[in-house]
Structures are given as structure tokens and as C-alpha cells.
Amino acid sequence: MASDHVRLLTRGLAALALATSAAHGQITLKSPSWNELAERDRQVLAPLQGDWNNLDAQRKQKWLGLSKRYPTLQPDEQKRIQTQMQEWSRLTPDQRNAARERYKSLKSLPPDKKDAVREKWQEYQNLPPDMKRELAAKPVPPPKATGGARAPAAQPMRAAPKPAVAPPTSAPPPSAP
């Protein structure tokens, strides 16, 4: 009878070790270097080449997921993504972190406020380039006190600042890395 207990205990420990290693394998993400990427992925992700080897595994996997979906996108969507990746690659690490924080705060807004931000952003996008330059030359006014907790102000993600009329809190980051 003692040998039955030992056998059960041994099987239980073996199963636990196997489950632990399987769970560990699920948590560990592949983090390929730039040179390990397929040629197709390197072409799609070319704007990120200079930063690629410094990205963490989770961000690499998100970008690789975009690369896999890329061929199924319409040409105008592909062009938009390429432009966004180029803009993203020009940002400093602080600007990227600020953009991520703005993205998180936008995602937590109620639907009606999200719609208002989208509308204001679209209004800005439709402005003529000279008006955008004029707005870029103006200093950004400090945020109004609302009494509630508010995310700290961050640098704009794009070169031109948001419109003075009704600024959105952020431009949507490229496919949210």
C-alpha cells in the first residue's frame, strides 16, 4: 500500500513538473532579432529596423502580428500603417511612453466621449496644412482643472499640435504595440 502512495505521489509530481514547464512555455514569448525575421516581415516592418532589437518580446509579437495581417489589408490601410510606423520610429522613448499613456486613457473613456474625441481629431485632420502649421506655432494651453484625477500632459505624437478649438487627447497610435 505504501508503494501505491509513492507511485501516486511520483505521478503527481511528474504531472506537476510537466504542467509547470508547459505553463512556462506558454508565458515565454519568442523575441527574434531583426536578422531572424522572414524577408516579408522585414519589408513590412522596415521603419522599425533601427529599434527592433531593443524592443521587448511582447512588442515584437504585436508588430509581427501586424505584419502577418498586412497582406490582407487594403492598399490605403497599408499606406496608413507604414506612415504611422515611420512616425512612431521618429519618436523618442519618452514620447512613445506618453503616446501609450494617452492611448490607455482614451481606451478608458466612455463611448460618447470617445466619439467626441474622434470627431475633434477628424476636424483637425481636415484642416489645411497652413492652419496646422499656425496651430503648431502656438503654445499648448495648460489643461483645465476638472477636480478629478487627470493624466499628466504629454508631448503630442505628431509634429503638429492638436487644434486649439477642441483638442483630442491623442492621436491613435499605430495598431497599438
C-alpha atoms as a PDB file:
ATOM      1  CA  MET A   1       0.000   0.000   0.000  1.00  0.00           C
ATOM      2  CA  ALA A   2       2.852   2.385   0.753  1.00  0.00           C
ATOM      3  CA  SER A   3       4.239   1.675  -2.701  1.00  0.00           C
ATOM      4  CA  ASP A   4       0.866   2.719  -4.189  1.00  0.00           C
ATOM      5  CA  HIS A   5       1.108   6.054  -2.372  1.00  0.00           C
ATOM      6  CA  VAL A   6       4.667   6.539  -3.560  1.00  0.00           C
ATOM      7  CA  ARG A   7       3.643   5.712  -7.120  1.00  0.00           C
ATOM      8  CA  LEU A   8       0.702   8.159  -6.970  1.00  0.00           C
ATOM      9  CA  LEU A   9       2.903  10.822  -5.432  1.00  0.00           C
ATOM     10  CA  THR A  10       5.553  10.287  -8.105  1.00  0.00           C
ATOM     11  CA  ARG A  11       2.966  10.522 -10.882  1.00  0.00           C
ATOM     12  CA  GLY A  12       1.511  13.649  -9.281  1.00  0.00           C
ATOM     13  CA  LEU A  13       4.934  15.290  -9.086  1.00  0.00           C
ATOM     14  CA  ALA A  14       5.712  14.335 -12.668  1.00  0.00           C
ATOM     15  CA  ALA A  15       2.382  15.773 -13.828  1.00  0.00           C
ATOM     16  CA  LEU A  16       3.031  18.945 -11.831  1.00  0.00           C
ATOM     17  CA  ALA A  17       6.502  19.314 -13.356  1.00  0.00           C
ATOM     18  CA  LEU A  18       5.079  18.787 -16.837  1.00  0.00           C
ATOM     19  CA  ALA A  19       2.284  21.314 -16.235  1.00  0.00           C
ATOM     20  CA  THR A  20       4.767  23.835 -14.852  1.00  0.00           C
ATOM     21  CA  SER A  21       7.042  23.505 -17.854  1.00  0.00           C
ATOM     22  CA  ALA A  22       4.067  23.753 -20.225  1.00  0.00           C
ATOM     23  CA  ALA A  23       2.795  26.861 -18.445  1.00  0.00           C
ATOM     24  CA  HIS A  24       6.266  28.351 -18.564  1.00  0.00           C
ATOM     25  CA  GLY A  25       6.436  27.629 -22.282  1.00  0.00           C
ATOM     26  CA  GLN A  26       3.152  29.464 -22.799  1.00  0.00           C
ATOM     27  CA  ILE A  27       4.380  32.555 -20.937  1.00  0.00           C
ATOM     28  CA  THR A  28       7.711  32.776 -22.713  1.00  0.00           C
ATOM     29  CA  LEU A  29       7.395  34.788 -25.926  1.00  0.00           C
ATOM     30  CA  LYS A  30       9.736  34.423 -28.846  1.00  0.00           C
ATOM     31  CA  SER A  31      11.887  37.503 -29.313  1.00  0.00           C
ATOM     32  CA  PRO A  32      13.572  37.202 -32.715  1.00  0.00           C
ATOM     33  CA  SER A  33      16.333  39.589 -33.700  1.00  0.00           C
ATOM     34  CA  TRP A  34      15.914  41.663 -36.871  1.00  0.00           C
ATOM     35  CA  ASN A  35      18.103  39.249 -38.848  1.00  0.00           C
ATOM     36  CA  GLU A  36      15.971  36.278 -37.750  1.00  0.00           C
ATOM     37  CA  LEU A  37      12.802  37.765 -39.274  1.00  0.00           C
ATOM     38  CA  ALA A  38      11.447  36.486 -42.563  1.00  0.00           C
ATOM     39  CA  GLU A  39      12.178  38.771 -45.503  1.00  0.00           C
ATOM     40  CA  ARG A  40       8.461  39.572 -45.850  1.00  0.00           C
ATOM     41  CA  ASP A  41       8.291  40.679 -42.189  1.00  0.00           C
ATOM     42  CA  ARG A  42      11.429  42.816 -42.587  1.00  0.00           C
ATOM     43  CA  GLN A  43       9.871  44.571 -45.589  1.00  0.00           C
ATOM     44  CA  VAL A  44       6.637  45.358 -43.749  1.00  0.00           C
ATOM     45  CA  LEU A  45       8.371  46.364 -40.516  1.00  0.00           C
ATOM     46  CA  ALA A  46      11.258  48.257 -42.188  1.00  0.00           C
ATOM     47  CA  PRO A  47      10.501  51.561 -40.394  1.00  0.00           C
ATOM     48  CA  LEU A  48      11.180  49.784 -37.088  1.00  0.00           C
ATOM     49  CA  GLN A  49      14.515  48.246 -38.101  1.00  0.00           C
ATOM     50  CA  GLY A  50      16.635  50.629 -36.022  1.00  0.00           C
ATOM     51  CA  ASP A  51      14.641  49.916 -32.865  1.00  0.00           C
ATOM     52  CA  TRP A  52      13.721  46.277 -33.401  1.00  0.00           C
ATOM     53  CA  ASN A  53      16.489  44.603 -31.396  1.00  0.00           C
ATOM     54  CA  ASN A  54      15.726  46.861 -28.406  1.00  0.00           C
ATOM     55  CA  LEU A  55      12.008  46.007 -28.288  1.00  0.00           C
ATOM     56  CA  ASP A  56      10.744  43.586 -25.665  1.00  0.00           C
ATOM     57  CA  ALA A  57       9.291  40.243 -26.761  1.00  0.00           C
ATOM     58  CA  GLN A  58       5.676  41.315 -26.247  1.00  0.00           C
ATOM     59  CA  ARG A  59       6.036  44.374 -28.506  1.00  0.00           C
ATOM     60  CA  LYS A  60       7.832  42.296 -31.146  1.00  0.00           C
ATOM     61  CA  GLN A  61       4.978  39.805 -31.139  1.00  0.00           C
ATOM     62  CA  LYS A  62       2.423  42.590 -31.582  1.00  0.00           C
ATOM     63  CA  TRP A  63       4.351  44.032 -34.540  1.00  0.00           C
ATOM     64  CA  LEU A  64       4.759  40.561 -36.036  1.00  0.00           C
ATOM     65  CA  GLY A  65       1.013  40.038 -35.712  1.00  0.00           C
ATOM     66  CA  LEU A  66       0.508  43.235 -37.709  1.00  0.00           C
ATOM     67  CA  SER A  67       2.998  42.013 -40.297  1.00  0.00           C
ATOM     68  CA  LYS A  68       1.051  38.763 -40.711  1.00  0.00           C
ATOM     69  CA  ARG A  69      -2.246  40.683 -41.242  1.00  0.00           C
ATOM     70  CA  TYR A  70      -0.627  43.259 -43.521  1.00  0.00           C
ATOM     71  CA  PRO A  71      -1.139  41.408 -46.852  1.00  0.00           C
ATOM     72  CA  THR A  72      -4.893  41.180 -46.182  1.00  0.00           C
ATOM     73  CA  LEU A  73      -5.262  44.951 -45.729  1.00  0.00           C
ATOM     74  CA  GLN A  74      -6.413  47.378 -48.402  1.00  0.00           C
ATOM     75  CA  PRO A  75      -3.629  49.439 -50.050  1.00  0.00           C
ATOM     76  CA  ASP A  76      -4.750  52.669 -48.348  1.00  0.00           C
ATOM     77  CA  GLU A  77      -4.684  50.923 -44.953  1.00  0.00           C
ATOM     78  CA  GLN A  78      -1.209  49.534 -45.703  1.00  0.00           C
ATOM     79  CA  LYS A  79      -0.007  53.032 -46.574  1.00  0.00           C
ATOM     80  CA  ARG A  80      -1.520  54.447 -43.363  1.00  0.00           C
ATOM     81  CA  ILE A  81       0.217  51.780 -41.273  1.00  0.00           C
ATOM     82  CA  GLN A  82       3.564  52.414 -42.982  1.00  0.00           C
ATOM     83  CA  THR A  83       3.211  56.150 -42.308  1.00  0.00           C
ATOM     84  CA  GLN A  84       2.333  55.522 -38.673  1.00  0.00           C
ATOM     85  CA  MET A  85       5.305  53.183 -38.224  1.00  0.00           C
ATOM     86  CA  GLN A  86       7.604  55.833 -39.705  1.00  0.00           C
ATOM     87  CA  GLU A  87       6.197  58.470 -37.346  1.00  0.00           C
ATOM     88  CA  TRP A  88       6.472  56.067 -34.408  1.00  0.00           C
ATOM     89  CA  SER A  89      10.100  55.289 -35.225  1.00  0.00           C
ATOM     90  CA  ARG A  90      10.928  59.028 -35.071  1.00  0.00           C
ATOM     91  CA  LEU A  91       9.558  59.436 -31.545  1.00  0.00           C
ATOM     92  CA  THR A  92      11.826  59.491 -28.529  1.00  0.00           C
ATOM     93  CA  PRO A  93      11.269  56.838 -25.842  1.00  0.00           C
ATOM     94  CA  ASP A  94       9.576  59.471 -23.641  1.00  0.00           C
ATOM     95  CA  GLN A  95       7.233  60.461 -26.462  1.00  0.00           C
ATOM     96  CA  ARG A  96       6.386  56.806 -27.078  1.00  0.00           C
ATOM     97  CA  ASN A  97       5.582  56.263 -23.413  1.00  0.00           C
ATOM     98  CA  ALA A  98       3.425  59.393 -23.402  1.00  0.00           C
ATOM     99  CA  ALA A  99       1.596  58.158 -26.510  1.00  0.00           C
ATOM    100  CA  ARG A 100       0.971  54.780 -24.858  1.00  0.00           C
ATOM    101  CA  GLU A 101      -0.409  56.522 -21.763  1.00  0.00           C
ATOM    102  CA  ARG A 102      -2.709  58.702 -23.882  1.00  0.00           C
ATOM    103  CA  TYR A 103      -3.876  55.593 -25.729  1.00  0.00           C
ATOM    104  CA  LYS A 104      -4.666  53.857 -22.426  1.00  0.00           C
ATOM    105  CA  SER A 105      -6.573  56.898 -21.158  1.00  0.00           C
ATOM    106  CA  LEU A 106      -8.550  57.095 -24.414  1.00  0.00           C
ATOM    107  CA  LYS A 107      -9.482  53.424 -24.175  1.00  0.00           C
ATOM    108  CA  SER A 108     -10.905  54.014 -20.701  1.00  0.00           C
ATOM    109  CA  LEU A 109     -13.203  56.853 -21.831  1.00  0.00           C
ATOM    110  CA  PRO A 110     -16.943  56.230 -22.052  1.00  0.00           C
ATOM    111  CA  PRO A 111     -18.191  55.672 -25.635  1.00  0.00           C
ATOM    112  CA  ASP A 112     -19.752  59.134 -26.003  1.00  0.00           C
ATOM    113  CA  LYS A 113     -16.507  60.846 -25.018  1.00  0.00           C
ATOM    114  CA  LYS A 114     -14.528  58.584 -27.369  1.00  0.00           C
ATOM    115  CA  ASP A 115     -16.820  59.676 -30.191  1.00  0.00           C
ATOM    116  CA  ALA A 116     -16.291  63.346 -29.306  1.00  0.00           C
ATOM    117  CA  VAL A 117     -12.511  62.891 -29.331  1.00  0.00           C
ATOM    118  CA  ARG A 118     -12.690  61.120 -32.713  1.00  0.00           C
ATOM    119  CA  GLU A 119     -14.780  63.946 -34.152  1.00  0.00           C
ATOM    120  CA  LYS A 120     -12.369  66.605 -32.897  1.00  0.00           C
ATOM    121  CA  TRP A 121      -9.412  64.658 -34.246  1.00  0.00           C
ATOM    122  CA  GLN A 122     -11.108  64.353 -37.627  1.00  0.00           C
ATOM    123  CA  GLU A 123     -11.777  68.112 -37.642  1.00  0.00           C
ATOM    124  CA  TYR A 124      -8.075  68.659 -37.041  1.00  0.00           C
ATOM    125  CA  GLN A 125      -7.095  66.206 -39.772  1.00  0.00           C
ATOM    126  CA  ASN A 126      -9.302  68.107 -42.236  1.00  0.00           C
ATOM    127  CA  LEU A 127      -7.611  71.446 -41.549  1.00  0.00           C
ATOM    128  CA  PRO A 128      -5.435  72.826 -44.350  1.00  0.00           C
ATOM    129  CA  PRO A 129      -1.663  72.412 -43.806  1.00  0.00           C
ATOM    130  CA  ASP A 130      -1.118  76.154 -43.250  1.00  0.00           C
ATOM    131  CA  MET A 131      -3.684  76.154 -40.424  1.00  0.00           C
ATOM    132  CA  LYS A 132      -1.975  73.141 -38.847  1.00  0.00           C
ATOM    133  CA  ARG A 133       1.374  74.974 -39.031  1.00  0.00           C
ATOM    134  CA  GLU A 134      -0.224  78.035 -37.448  1.00  0.00           C
ATOM    135  CA  LEU A 135      -1.562  75.913 -34.612  1.00  0.00           C
ATOM    136  CA  ALA A 136       1.846  74.247 -34.237  1.00  0.00           C
ATOM    137  CA  ALA A 137       3.435  77.656 -33.643  1.00  0.00           C
ATOM    138  CA  LYS A 138       1.090  78.434 -30.729  1.00  0.00           C
ATOM    139  CA  PRO A 139       1.974  77.243 -27.228  1.00  0.00           C
ATOM    140  CA  VAL A 140      -0.247  74.482 -25.913  1.00  0.00           C
ATOM    141  CA  PRO A 141      -2.546  75.887 -23.189  1.00  0.00           C
ATOM    142  CA  PRO A 142      -2.442  74.135 -19.809  1.00  0.00           C
ATOM    143  CA  PRO A 143      -5.274  71.672 -19.201  1.00  0.00           C
ATOM    144  CA  LYS A 144      -8.348  72.984 -17.396  1.00  0.00           C
ATOM    145  CA  ALA A 145      -8.794  71.893 -13.803  1.00  0.00           C
ATOM    146  CA  THR A 146     -11.631  69.385 -13.612  1.00  0.00           C
ATOM    147  CA  GLY A 147     -11.491  68.425  -9.960  1.00  0.00           C
ATOM    148  CA  GLY A 148     -10.901  64.781 -10.847  1.00  0.00           C
ATOM    149  CA  ALA A 149      -7.710  62.883 -11.380  1.00  0.00           C
ATOM    150  CA  ARG A 150      -6.230  63.644 -14.744  1.00  0.00           C
ATOM    151  CA  ALA A 151      -3.425  62.049 -16.717  1.00  0.00           C
ATOM    152  CA  PRO A 152      -0.333  64.275 -16.950  1.00  0.00           C
ATOM    153  CA  ALA A 153       0.001  66.323 -20.126  1.00  0.00           C
ATOM    154  CA  ALA A 154       2.261  64.717 -22.680  1.00  0.00           C
ATOM    155  CA  GLN A 155       4.028  65.686 -25.868  1.00  0.00           C
ATOM    156  CA  PRO A 156       1.884  65.410 -28.998  1.00  0.00           C
ATOM    157  CA  MET A 157       2.524  62.289 -31.022  1.00  0.00           C
ATOM    158  CA  ARG A 158       2.600  64.145 -34.332  1.00  0.00           C
ATOM    159  CA  ALA A 159       4.701  67.150 -35.275  1.00  0.00           C
ATOM    160  CA  ALA A 160       1.687  69.473 -35.384  1.00  0.00           C
ATOM    161  CA  PRO A 161      -0.123  70.089 -32.096  1.00  0.00           C
ATOM    162  CA  LYS A 162      -3.772  69.427 -31.615  1.00  0.00           C
ATOM    163  CA  PRO A 163      -6.264  72.124 -32.629  1.00  0.00           C
ATOM    164  CA  ALA A 164      -6.959  74.922 -30.166  1.00  0.00           C
ATOM    165  CA  VAL A 165     -10.696  74.684 -30.876  1.00  0.00           C
ATOM    166  CA  ALA A 166     -11.315  71.363 -29.193  1.00  0.00           C
ATOM    167  CA  PRO A 167      -8.160  69.263 -28.946  1.00  0.00           C
ATOM    168  CA  PRO A 168      -8.313  65.493 -28.763  1.00  0.00           C
ATOM    169  CA  THR A 169      -6.196  63.999 -26.044  1.00  0.00           C
ATOM    170  CA  SER A 170      -4.239  61.905 -28.520  1.00  0.00           C
ATOM    171  CA  ALA A 171      -3.783  60.631 -31.995  1.00  0.00           C
ATOM    172  CA  PRO A 172      -4.412  56.897 -32.176  1.00  0.00           C
ATOM    173  CA  PRO A 173      -1.061  55.077 -32.019  1.00  0.00           C
ATOM    174  CA  PRO A 174      -0.184  52.688 -34.812  1.00  0.00           C
ATOM    175  CA  SER A 175      -2.044  49.487 -34.161  1.00  0.00           C
ATOM    176  CA  ALA A 176      -1.235  49.659 -30.521  1.00  0.00           C
ATOM    177  CA  PRO A 177       2.012  47.957 -29.933  1.00  0.00           C
END
